[in-house]
N, C-alpha and C. Protein backbone atom coordinates (compact mmCIF):
# COMPACT_ATOMS: atom_id res chain seq x y z
N MET A 1 -27.38 37.84 -184.03
CA MET A 1 -28.54 36.96 -183.96
C MET A 1 -29.61 37.48 -184.89
N ARG A 2 -30.40 36.53 -185.40
CA ARG A 2 -31.47 36.89 -186.31
C ARG A 2 -32.56 35.84 -186.23
N VAL A 3 -33.73 36.17 -186.79
CA VAL A 3 -34.80 35.19 -186.92
C VAL A 3 -34.45 34.33 -188.13
N ILE A 4 -34.49 33.02 -187.98
CA ILE A 4 -34.02 32.08 -189.00
C ILE A 4 -35.01 31.91 -190.15
N ALA A 5 -36.30 31.76 -189.85
CA ALA A 5 -37.28 31.45 -190.90
C ALA A 5 -38.64 32.01 -190.54
N GLY A 6 -39.54 31.98 -191.50
CA GLY A 6 -40.92 32.37 -191.27
C GLY A 6 -41.19 33.83 -191.59
N LYS A 7 -42.26 34.31 -191.02
CA LYS A 7 -42.76 35.66 -191.29
C LYS A 7 -41.73 36.75 -191.02
N TYR A 8 -40.93 36.61 -189.98
CA TYR A 8 -39.95 37.63 -189.61
C TYR A 8 -38.52 37.23 -189.98
N ARG A 9 -38.40 36.32 -190.92
CA ARG A 9 -37.08 35.83 -191.34
C ARG A 9 -36.13 37.00 -191.62
N GLY A 10 -34.94 36.89 -191.03
CA GLY A 10 -33.91 37.91 -191.24
C GLY A 10 -33.96 39.06 -190.25
N LYS A 11 -35.04 39.14 -189.45
CA LYS A 11 -35.13 40.23 -188.47
C LYS A 11 -33.94 40.15 -187.53
N ARG A 12 -33.26 41.25 -187.38
CA ARG A 12 -32.11 41.30 -186.48
C ARG A 12 -32.60 41.32 -185.04
N LEU A 13 -31.97 40.50 -184.21
CA LEU A 13 -32.29 40.45 -182.79
C LEU A 13 -31.09 40.95 -182.01
N PHE A 14 -31.36 41.81 -181.07
CA PHE A 14 -30.28 42.34 -180.25
C PHE A 14 -29.85 41.30 -179.23
N SER A 15 -28.56 41.20 -179.02
CA SER A 15 -28.04 40.26 -178.03
C SER A 15 -27.41 41.05 -176.90
N PRO A 16 -27.23 40.42 -175.76
CA PRO A 16 -26.68 41.14 -174.61
C PRO A 16 -25.24 41.59 -174.86
N GLN A 17 -24.88 42.68 -174.22
CA GLN A 17 -23.54 43.23 -174.36
C GLN A 17 -22.53 42.50 -173.49
N ASP A 18 -23.01 41.79 -172.47
CA ASP A 18 -22.09 41.07 -171.58
C ASP A 18 -22.39 39.58 -171.63
N ASN A 19 -21.80 38.82 -170.76
CA ASN A 19 -22.01 37.38 -170.73
C ASN A 19 -23.06 36.94 -169.73
N ALA A 20 -23.85 37.88 -169.23
CA ALA A 20 -24.87 37.53 -168.24
C ALA A 20 -25.96 36.65 -168.85
N VAL A 21 -26.21 36.81 -170.15
CA VAL A 21 -27.21 36.01 -170.85
C VAL A 21 -26.49 35.23 -171.95
N ARG A 22 -26.78 33.94 -172.04
CA ARG A 22 -26.18 33.08 -173.05
C ARG A 22 -27.24 32.81 -174.11
N PRO A 23 -27.27 33.63 -175.19
CA PRO A 23 -28.31 33.42 -176.20
C PRO A 23 -28.12 32.10 -176.95
N THR A 24 -29.22 31.51 -177.34
CA THR A 24 -29.17 30.31 -178.16
C THR A 24 -28.57 30.68 -179.51
N THR A 25 -27.57 29.94 -179.95
CA THR A 25 -26.94 30.25 -181.23
C THR A 25 -27.90 30.01 -182.38
N ASP A 26 -27.65 30.68 -183.50
CA ASP A 26 -28.50 30.49 -184.68
C ASP A 26 -28.48 29.03 -185.12
N ARG A 27 -27.33 28.37 -185.01
CA ARG A 27 -27.22 26.97 -185.43
C ARG A 27 -28.11 26.07 -184.59
N ILE A 28 -28.08 26.25 -183.27
CA ILE A 28 -28.93 25.44 -182.40
C ILE A 28 -30.39 25.79 -182.61
N LYS A 29 -30.69 27.08 -182.75
CA LYS A 29 -32.07 27.50 -182.97
C LYS A 29 -32.63 26.88 -184.26
N GLU A 30 -31.82 26.87 -185.30
CA GLU A 30 -32.25 26.27 -186.57
C GLU A 30 -32.49 24.77 -186.40
N THR A 31 -31.61 24.08 -185.69
CA THR A 31 -31.77 22.65 -185.43
C THR A 31 -33.05 22.38 -184.65
N VAL A 32 -33.25 23.15 -183.59
CA VAL A 32 -34.44 22.99 -182.74
C VAL A 32 -35.71 23.14 -183.55
N PHE A 33 -35.81 24.21 -184.33
CA PHE A 33 -37.06 24.46 -185.05
C PHE A 33 -37.24 23.54 -186.24
N ASN A 34 -36.16 23.03 -186.82
CA ASN A 34 -36.30 22.01 -187.86
C ASN A 34 -36.90 20.75 -187.26
N ILE A 35 -36.43 20.36 -186.08
CA ILE A 35 -36.99 19.18 -185.40
C ILE A 35 -38.44 19.43 -184.99
N LEU A 36 -38.70 20.59 -184.41
CA LEU A 36 -40.07 20.91 -183.99
C LEU A 36 -41.03 20.88 -185.18
N CYS A 37 -40.64 21.50 -186.27
CA CYS A 37 -41.53 21.59 -187.43
C CYS A 37 -41.70 20.26 -188.15
N ASN A 38 -40.68 19.42 -188.12
CA ASN A 38 -40.76 18.14 -188.84
C ASN A 38 -41.32 17.01 -188.01
N ARG A 39 -41.03 16.99 -186.71
CA ARG A 39 -41.45 15.86 -185.89
C ARG A 39 -42.61 16.18 -184.95
N TYR A 40 -42.62 17.39 -184.44
CA TYR A 40 -43.66 17.79 -183.49
C TYR A 40 -44.49 18.88 -184.15
N ARG A 41 -44.62 20.01 -183.50
CA ARG A 41 -45.27 21.18 -184.08
C ARG A 41 -44.95 22.38 -183.23
N VAL A 42 -45.00 23.54 -183.85
CA VAL A 42 -44.73 24.77 -183.10
C VAL A 42 -45.93 25.11 -182.24
N GLY A 43 -47.14 24.95 -182.76
CA GLY A 43 -48.34 25.23 -182.00
C GLY A 43 -48.71 26.70 -182.02
N GLU A 44 -49.84 27.01 -181.42
CA GLU A 44 -50.36 28.37 -181.41
C GLU A 44 -49.85 29.20 -180.25
N SER A 45 -49.74 28.58 -179.09
CA SER A 45 -49.40 29.31 -177.88
C SER A 45 -48.08 28.82 -177.31
N VAL A 46 -47.17 29.78 -177.04
CA VAL A 46 -45.81 29.44 -176.64
C VAL A 46 -45.46 30.13 -175.32
N LEU A 47 -44.78 29.40 -174.45
CA LEU A 47 -44.22 29.95 -173.22
C LEU A 47 -42.70 29.87 -173.34
N ASP A 48 -42.03 31.00 -173.23
CA ASP A 48 -40.57 31.08 -173.30
C ASP A 48 -40.07 31.42 -171.90
N LEU A 49 -39.74 30.37 -171.13
CA LEU A 49 -39.21 30.56 -169.77
C LEU A 49 -37.72 30.87 -169.85
N PHE A 50 -37.23 31.68 -168.94
CA PHE A 50 -35.82 32.08 -168.95
C PHE A 50 -35.50 32.66 -170.33
N CYS A 51 -36.33 33.59 -170.80
CA CYS A 51 -36.33 34.01 -172.20
C CYS A 51 -35.05 34.72 -172.65
N GLY A 52 -34.28 35.28 -171.74
CA GLY A 52 -33.03 35.95 -172.17
C GLY A 52 -33.30 37.08 -173.13
N SER A 53 -33.01 36.88 -174.40
CA SER A 53 -33.25 37.90 -175.42
C SER A 53 -34.61 37.72 -176.10
N GLY A 54 -35.29 36.62 -175.81
CA GLY A 54 -36.58 36.33 -176.44
C GLY A 54 -36.45 35.64 -177.79
N ALA A 55 -35.24 35.27 -178.18
CA ALA A 55 -35.00 34.74 -179.52
C ALA A 55 -35.80 33.48 -179.84
N LEU A 56 -35.91 32.56 -178.88
CA LEU A 56 -36.64 31.32 -179.15
C LEU A 56 -38.14 31.57 -179.33
N GLY A 57 -38.73 32.35 -178.43
CA GLY A 57 -40.15 32.66 -178.55
C GLY A 57 -40.47 33.46 -179.80
N ILE A 58 -39.60 34.37 -180.16
CA ILE A 58 -39.80 35.17 -181.38
C ILE A 58 -39.71 34.28 -182.61
N GLU A 59 -38.78 33.33 -182.60
CA GLU A 59 -38.69 32.37 -183.71
C GLU A 59 -39.99 31.59 -183.84
N ALA A 60 -40.57 31.18 -182.71
CA ALA A 60 -41.84 30.46 -182.74
C ALA A 60 -42.95 31.33 -183.32
N LEU A 61 -43.00 32.61 -182.94
CA LEU A 61 -43.99 33.52 -183.50
C LEU A 61 -43.79 33.67 -185.00
N SER A 62 -42.56 33.76 -185.43
CA SER A 62 -42.27 33.89 -186.85
C SER A 62 -42.72 32.66 -187.63
N ARG A 63 -42.72 31.51 -186.98
CA ARG A 63 -43.06 30.24 -187.64
C ARG A 63 -44.50 29.82 -187.43
N GLY A 64 -45.36 30.73 -186.99
CA GLY A 64 -46.78 30.44 -186.96
C GLY A 64 -47.48 30.48 -185.63
N ALA A 65 -46.76 30.58 -184.53
CA ALA A 65 -47.44 30.71 -183.24
C ALA A 65 -48.20 32.04 -183.23
N THR A 66 -49.33 32.08 -182.57
CA THR A 66 -50.14 33.30 -182.54
C THR A 66 -50.02 34.07 -181.23
N ARG A 67 -49.43 33.42 -180.21
CA ARG A 67 -49.26 34.08 -178.92
C ARG A 67 -48.02 33.52 -178.23
N ALA A 68 -47.28 34.42 -177.58
CA ALA A 68 -46.12 33.98 -176.81
C ALA A 68 -46.06 34.75 -175.50
N VAL A 69 -45.71 34.03 -174.44
CA VAL A 69 -45.50 34.62 -173.13
C VAL A 69 -44.01 34.44 -172.81
N PHE A 70 -43.35 35.54 -172.47
CA PHE A 70 -41.93 35.55 -172.17
C PHE A 70 -41.74 35.81 -170.69
N VAL A 71 -40.87 35.02 -170.04
CA VAL A 71 -40.63 35.16 -168.60
C VAL A 71 -39.12 35.17 -168.35
N ASP A 72 -38.67 36.15 -167.57
CA ASP A 72 -37.28 36.17 -167.10
C ASP A 72 -37.22 37.04 -165.86
N LYS A 73 -36.38 36.64 -164.91
CA LYS A 73 -36.27 37.44 -163.68
C LYS A 73 -35.29 38.59 -163.82
N SER A 74 -34.49 38.60 -164.88
CA SER A 74 -33.50 39.65 -165.09
C SER A 74 -34.13 40.87 -165.78
N PRO A 75 -34.07 42.04 -165.14
CA PRO A 75 -34.60 43.24 -165.80
C PRO A 75 -33.90 43.53 -167.13
N GLN A 76 -32.61 43.23 -167.22
CA GLN A 76 -31.89 43.46 -168.47
C GLN A 76 -32.42 42.54 -169.58
N SER A 77 -32.70 41.30 -169.25
CA SER A 77 -33.25 40.37 -170.24
C SER A 77 -34.64 40.80 -170.68
N VAL A 78 -35.44 41.26 -169.76
CA VAL A 78 -36.79 41.72 -170.10
C VAL A 78 -36.72 42.93 -171.03
N ARG A 79 -35.81 43.87 -170.74
CA ARG A 79 -35.65 45.03 -171.63
C ARG A 79 -35.21 44.58 -173.02
N LEU A 80 -34.28 43.66 -173.08
CA LEU A 80 -33.78 43.14 -174.35
C LEU A 80 -34.89 42.43 -175.12
N THR A 81 -35.67 41.62 -174.44
CA THR A 81 -36.80 40.92 -175.08
C THR A 81 -37.80 41.93 -175.63
N ARG A 82 -38.14 42.93 -174.84
CA ARG A 82 -39.10 43.95 -175.32
C ARG A 82 -38.56 44.68 -176.55
N GLU A 83 -37.28 44.97 -176.55
CA GLU A 83 -36.66 45.62 -177.72
C GLU A 83 -36.76 44.70 -178.94
N ASN A 84 -36.49 43.42 -178.75
CA ASN A 84 -36.55 42.48 -179.87
C ASN A 84 -37.97 42.23 -180.36
N LEU A 85 -38.96 42.45 -179.50
CA LEU A 85 -40.35 42.25 -179.90
C LEU A 85 -40.93 43.42 -180.70
N LYS A 86 -40.21 44.51 -180.80
CA LYS A 86 -40.70 45.65 -181.59
C LYS A 86 -40.90 45.21 -183.03
N GLY A 87 -42.08 45.50 -183.55
CA GLY A 87 -42.42 45.11 -184.92
C GLY A 87 -43.08 43.75 -185.03
N ILE A 88 -43.15 43.00 -183.94
CA ILE A 88 -43.82 41.69 -183.93
C ILE A 88 -45.31 41.95 -183.70
N GLN A 89 -46.13 41.47 -184.62
CA GLN A 89 -47.56 41.77 -184.57
C GLN A 89 -48.37 40.80 -183.73
N GLU A 90 -47.88 39.58 -183.58
CA GLU A 90 -48.63 38.57 -182.84
C GLU A 90 -48.72 38.94 -181.35
N SER A 91 -49.74 38.40 -180.71
CA SER A 91 -49.97 38.66 -179.30
C SER A 91 -48.79 38.15 -178.47
N HIS A 92 -48.37 38.99 -177.53
CA HIS A 92 -47.28 38.58 -176.64
C HIS A 92 -47.37 39.34 -175.32
N ALA A 93 -46.79 38.72 -174.30
CA ALA A 93 -46.72 39.33 -172.97
C ALA A 93 -45.34 39.02 -172.41
N VAL A 94 -44.78 39.98 -171.68
CA VAL A 94 -43.45 39.81 -171.08
C VAL A 94 -43.56 40.05 -169.59
N PHE A 95 -43.05 39.09 -168.80
CA PHE A 95 -43.11 39.19 -167.36
C PHE A 95 -41.72 39.16 -166.75
N ASN A 96 -41.45 40.14 -165.91
CA ASN A 96 -40.17 40.23 -165.20
C ASN A 96 -40.39 39.62 -163.81
N THR A 97 -40.21 38.29 -163.74
CA THR A 97 -40.43 37.57 -162.49
C THR A 97 -39.68 36.24 -162.53
N ASP A 98 -39.55 35.62 -161.39
CA ASP A 98 -38.93 34.31 -161.28
C ASP A 98 -39.84 33.26 -161.94
N TYR A 99 -39.24 32.25 -162.51
CA TYR A 99 -40.01 31.22 -163.21
C TYR A 99 -41.02 30.53 -162.29
N LYS A 100 -40.68 30.31 -161.01
CA LYS A 100 -41.61 29.64 -160.10
C LYS A 100 -42.87 30.48 -159.89
N ILE A 101 -42.67 31.76 -159.71
CA ILE A 101 -43.82 32.66 -159.53
C ILE A 101 -44.67 32.68 -160.78
N ALA A 102 -44.03 32.79 -161.93
CA ALA A 102 -44.76 32.81 -163.20
C ALA A 102 -45.57 31.53 -163.39
N LEU A 103 -44.94 30.38 -163.15
CA LEU A 103 -45.64 29.11 -163.36
C LEU A 103 -46.79 28.92 -162.38
N GLN A 104 -46.69 29.49 -161.19
CA GLN A 104 -47.79 29.42 -160.23
C GLN A 104 -48.96 30.33 -160.63
N LYS A 105 -48.66 31.45 -161.30
CA LYS A 105 -49.70 32.43 -161.62
C LYS A 105 -50.32 32.25 -163.00
N LEU A 106 -49.62 31.61 -163.92
CA LEU A 106 -50.17 31.44 -165.27
C LEU A 106 -51.44 30.61 -165.23
N THR A 107 -52.45 31.03 -165.99
CA THR A 107 -53.71 30.30 -166.04
C THR A 107 -53.96 29.70 -167.41
N GLU A 108 -53.21 30.12 -168.42
CA GLU A 108 -53.40 29.57 -169.76
C GLU A 108 -52.51 28.35 -169.96
N THR A 109 -52.83 27.56 -170.98
CA THR A 109 -52.02 26.40 -171.32
C THR A 109 -51.29 26.68 -172.63
N PHE A 110 -50.26 25.86 -172.90
CA PHE A 110 -49.38 26.14 -174.03
C PHE A 110 -49.15 24.89 -174.88
N ASP A 111 -48.97 25.12 -176.18
CA ASP A 111 -48.62 24.04 -177.12
C ASP A 111 -47.12 23.76 -177.09
N LEU A 112 -46.35 24.80 -176.83
CA LEU A 112 -44.89 24.69 -176.83
C LEU A 112 -44.35 25.47 -175.65
N ILE A 113 -43.53 24.81 -174.85
CA ILE A 113 -42.88 25.47 -173.72
C ILE A 113 -41.38 25.35 -173.93
N LEU A 114 -40.71 26.49 -173.96
CA LEU A 114 -39.27 26.59 -174.20
C LEU A 114 -38.58 26.86 -172.87
N ILE A 115 -37.64 25.99 -172.50
CA ILE A 115 -36.93 26.14 -171.23
C ILE A 115 -35.43 26.20 -171.53
N ASP A 116 -34.83 27.34 -171.24
CA ASP A 116 -33.39 27.53 -171.50
C ASP A 116 -32.78 28.32 -170.34
N PRO A 117 -32.69 27.69 -169.15
CA PRO A 117 -32.17 28.40 -167.98
C PRO A 117 -30.64 28.48 -168.00
N PRO A 118 -30.09 29.28 -167.10
CA PRO A 118 -28.63 29.25 -166.96
C PRO A 118 -28.17 27.82 -166.67
N TYR A 119 -27.19 27.35 -167.40
CA TYR A 119 -26.74 25.96 -167.28
C TYR A 119 -26.32 25.59 -165.86
N ARG A 120 -25.64 26.47 -165.20
CA ARG A 120 -25.07 26.14 -163.89
C ARG A 120 -26.12 26.00 -162.78
N ASP A 121 -27.34 26.48 -163.03
CA ASP A 121 -28.35 26.49 -161.97
C ASP A 121 -29.18 25.21 -161.88
N GLY A 122 -29.23 24.39 -162.92
CA GLY A 122 -29.97 23.13 -162.89
C GLY A 122 -31.44 23.28 -162.59
N LEU A 123 -32.10 24.24 -163.22
CA LEU A 123 -33.51 24.53 -162.93
C LEU A 123 -34.49 23.79 -163.85
N GLU A 124 -33.97 23.08 -164.82
CA GLU A 124 -34.82 22.44 -165.83
C GLU A 124 -35.84 21.48 -165.23
N GLU A 125 -35.38 20.59 -164.39
CA GLU A 125 -36.25 19.57 -163.84
C GLU A 125 -37.32 20.16 -162.92
N ASP A 126 -36.96 21.16 -162.15
CA ASP A 126 -37.94 21.82 -161.28
C ASP A 126 -39.01 22.52 -162.12
N ALA A 127 -38.59 23.17 -163.20
CA ALA A 127 -39.55 23.85 -164.08
C ALA A 127 -40.52 22.84 -164.69
N VAL A 128 -40.03 21.70 -165.16
CA VAL A 128 -40.90 20.67 -165.74
C VAL A 128 -41.87 20.14 -164.70
N ARG A 129 -41.39 19.92 -163.49
CA ARG A 129 -42.26 19.43 -162.41
C ARG A 129 -43.41 20.42 -162.16
N LEU A 130 -43.09 21.71 -162.10
CA LEU A 130 -44.13 22.73 -161.88
C LEU A 130 -45.09 22.81 -163.06
N ILE A 131 -44.58 22.69 -164.26
CA ILE A 131 -45.44 22.69 -165.46
C ILE A 131 -46.44 21.54 -165.40
N GLN A 132 -45.95 20.37 -164.99
CA GLN A 132 -46.82 19.20 -164.89
C GLN A 132 -47.86 19.39 -163.77
N GLU A 133 -47.41 19.86 -162.60
CA GLU A 133 -48.34 20.07 -161.49
C GLU A 133 -49.46 21.03 -161.85
N ARG A 134 -49.15 22.04 -162.63
CA ARG A 134 -50.13 23.07 -162.99
C ARG A 134 -50.86 22.77 -164.31
N ASN A 135 -50.54 21.64 -164.96
CA ASN A 135 -51.17 21.26 -166.23
C ASN A 135 -51.08 22.38 -167.26
N LEU A 136 -49.90 22.93 -167.44
CA LEU A 136 -49.71 24.06 -168.36
C LEU A 136 -49.43 23.64 -169.80
N LEU A 137 -49.15 22.35 -170.02
CA LEU A 137 -48.88 21.86 -171.37
C LEU A 137 -50.15 21.25 -171.94
N ARG A 138 -50.57 21.74 -173.11
CA ARG A 138 -51.77 21.22 -173.77
C ARG A 138 -51.55 19.80 -174.29
N LYS A 139 -52.63 19.09 -174.49
CA LYS A 139 -52.56 17.76 -175.09
C LYS A 139 -51.84 17.86 -176.43
N GLY A 140 -50.85 16.99 -176.63
CA GLY A 140 -50.08 17.02 -177.87
C GLY A 140 -48.97 18.04 -177.88
N GLY A 141 -48.81 18.76 -176.78
CA GLY A 141 -47.80 19.81 -176.70
C GLY A 141 -46.40 19.26 -176.47
N VAL A 142 -45.42 20.16 -176.60
CA VAL A 142 -44.01 19.79 -176.48
C VAL A 142 -43.31 20.75 -175.53
N ILE A 143 -42.44 20.21 -174.70
CA ILE A 143 -41.53 21.03 -173.90
C ILE A 143 -40.14 20.86 -174.51
N PHE A 144 -39.50 21.97 -174.81
CA PHE A 144 -38.14 21.95 -175.32
C PHE A 144 -37.21 22.44 -174.21
N ILE A 145 -36.10 21.73 -173.99
CA ILE A 145 -35.12 22.15 -172.99
C ILE A 145 -33.74 22.20 -173.65
N GLU A 146 -33.08 23.34 -173.52
CA GLU A 146 -31.68 23.45 -173.91
C GLU A 146 -30.87 23.36 -172.62
N HIS A 147 -29.91 22.42 -172.59
CA HIS A 147 -29.18 22.21 -171.35
C HIS A 147 -27.76 21.72 -171.62
N SER A 148 -26.95 21.81 -170.60
CA SER A 148 -25.58 21.33 -170.67
C SER A 148 -25.56 19.81 -170.84
N ARG A 149 -24.58 19.31 -171.56
CA ARG A 149 -24.43 17.86 -171.72
C ARG A 149 -24.23 17.18 -170.38
N ARG A 150 -23.75 17.91 -169.39
CA ARG A 150 -23.52 17.35 -168.06
C ARG A 150 -24.81 17.10 -167.29
N ASN A 151 -25.87 17.78 -167.67
CA ASN A 151 -27.16 17.61 -167.00
C ASN A 151 -27.98 16.60 -167.81
N ASN A 152 -28.10 15.38 -167.29
CA ASN A 152 -28.77 14.30 -168.01
C ASN A 152 -30.29 14.28 -167.82
N LEU A 153 -30.83 15.22 -167.09
CA LEU A 153 -32.28 15.30 -166.85
C LEU A 153 -32.83 13.97 -166.32
N ILE A 154 -32.14 13.42 -165.33
CA ILE A 154 -32.56 12.12 -164.82
C ILE A 154 -33.71 12.19 -163.81
N ASN A 155 -34.04 13.38 -163.35
CA ASN A 155 -35.10 13.52 -162.35
C ASN A 155 -36.40 14.07 -162.92
N LEU A 156 -36.63 13.83 -164.19
CA LEU A 156 -37.89 14.25 -164.81
C LEU A 156 -38.99 13.25 -164.47
N PRO A 157 -40.24 13.71 -164.43
CA PRO A 157 -41.34 12.78 -164.18
C PRO A 157 -41.38 11.69 -165.26
N GLU A 158 -41.74 10.47 -164.88
CA GLU A 158 -41.78 9.35 -165.81
C GLU A 158 -42.90 9.47 -166.83
N SER A 159 -43.77 10.44 -166.68
CA SER A 159 -44.89 10.59 -167.60
C SER A 159 -44.48 11.21 -168.94
N TYR A 160 -43.20 11.55 -169.09
CA TYR A 160 -42.73 12.17 -170.33
C TYR A 160 -41.89 11.22 -171.16
N ILE A 161 -42.05 11.31 -172.47
CA ILE A 161 -41.15 10.68 -173.42
C ILE A 161 -40.10 11.72 -173.75
N ILE A 162 -38.83 11.35 -173.64
CA ILE A 162 -37.74 12.31 -173.84
C ILE A 162 -36.94 11.93 -175.06
N ASP A 163 -36.74 12.90 -175.94
CA ASP A 163 -35.92 12.74 -177.14
C ASP A 163 -34.80 13.77 -177.03
N THR A 164 -33.55 13.32 -176.83
CA THR A 164 -32.42 14.23 -176.65
C THR A 164 -31.45 14.11 -177.82
N ARG A 165 -30.98 15.27 -178.28
CA ARG A 165 -29.99 15.34 -179.36
C ARG A 165 -28.80 16.14 -178.88
N ARG A 166 -27.63 15.80 -179.40
CA ARG A 166 -26.40 16.51 -179.07
C ARG A 166 -26.11 17.58 -180.11
N CYS A 167 -25.74 18.76 -179.64
CA CYS A 167 -25.31 19.86 -180.51
C CYS A 167 -24.03 20.43 -179.91
N GLY A 168 -22.90 19.83 -180.21
CA GLY A 168 -21.65 20.28 -179.61
C GLY A 168 -21.64 20.01 -178.13
N ASN A 169 -21.43 21.06 -177.32
CA ASN A 169 -21.41 20.93 -175.86
C ASN A 169 -22.80 21.11 -175.25
N THR A 170 -23.79 21.22 -176.10
CA THR A 170 -25.16 21.46 -175.65
C THR A 170 -26.03 20.27 -176.02
N ASP A 171 -26.95 19.93 -175.15
CA ASP A 171 -27.99 18.95 -175.47
C ASP A 171 -29.30 19.69 -175.65
N ILE A 172 -30.11 19.19 -176.57
CA ILE A 172 -31.46 19.72 -176.73
C ILE A 172 -32.41 18.54 -176.54
N SER A 173 -33.39 18.73 -175.68
CA SER A 173 -34.33 17.66 -175.34
C SER A 173 -35.76 18.12 -175.62
N PHE A 174 -36.53 17.17 -176.14
CA PHE A 174 -37.94 17.41 -176.43
C PHE A 174 -38.74 16.45 -175.57
N LEU A 175 -39.70 16.97 -174.82
CA LEU A 175 -40.51 16.15 -173.93
C LEU A 175 -41.96 16.20 -174.39
N THR A 176 -42.57 15.03 -174.48
CA THR A 176 -44.00 14.94 -174.76
C THR A 176 -44.60 14.01 -173.72
N LEU A 177 -45.84 14.25 -173.38
CA LEU A 177 -46.51 13.39 -172.41
C LEU A 177 -46.87 12.05 -173.05
N ARG A 178 -46.71 10.99 -172.30
CA ARG A 178 -47.14 9.67 -172.77
C ARG A 178 -48.65 9.71 -172.99
N GLU A 179 -49.14 8.94 -173.92
CA GLU A 179 -50.57 8.96 -174.27
C GLU A 179 -51.47 8.73 -173.07
N GLU A 180 -51.12 7.79 -172.20
CA GLU A 180 -51.99 7.51 -171.06
C GLU A 180 -52.10 8.68 -170.09
N GLU A 181 -51.13 9.61 -170.16
CA GLU A 181 -51.18 10.78 -169.28
C GLU A 181 -52.21 11.80 -169.75
N HIS A 182 -52.65 11.69 -171.02
CA HIS A 182 -53.64 12.63 -171.56
C HIS A 182 -55.06 12.21 -171.20
N GLU A 183 -55.23 10.98 -170.81
CA GLU A 183 -56.60 10.48 -170.58
C GLU A 183 -57.12 10.86 -169.23
């Protein structure tokens, strides 16, 4: 794994030694950030939920984000993320906690929220619901979700516009709030 583009382009990222963490492939990461940069925006402040190795949040920092918050309940993932953040100059914080606890305690808002939970757990919709309840997404912000093609995200709040793309056996979805939800 490596950083695809931007300030830290080519930086090697450590990946897990076992299958406990499923890192986002370079191909999917490149597709995601091409879409984000061309259609939406990376933004200044990023939340990387279920961060695993931290690869998505680090890519956002490399592409212009000035702050990233990384959350994962796995101590191994947190160690891996901290290792991968070495040499990254932008502001960042890493929390070893469950996503629900993190979303309840966070007080800042974000331009980009990255959600890549374990596929089998189906936590995407609950995370989006909590993000909406806590108003953690800034006006004009984007939520990115990497999920199994089997999870159609049918229980998301109707206040979001959803743009989903297929990448092999993986779907990538971008959520933005409808304009009337910002008023």
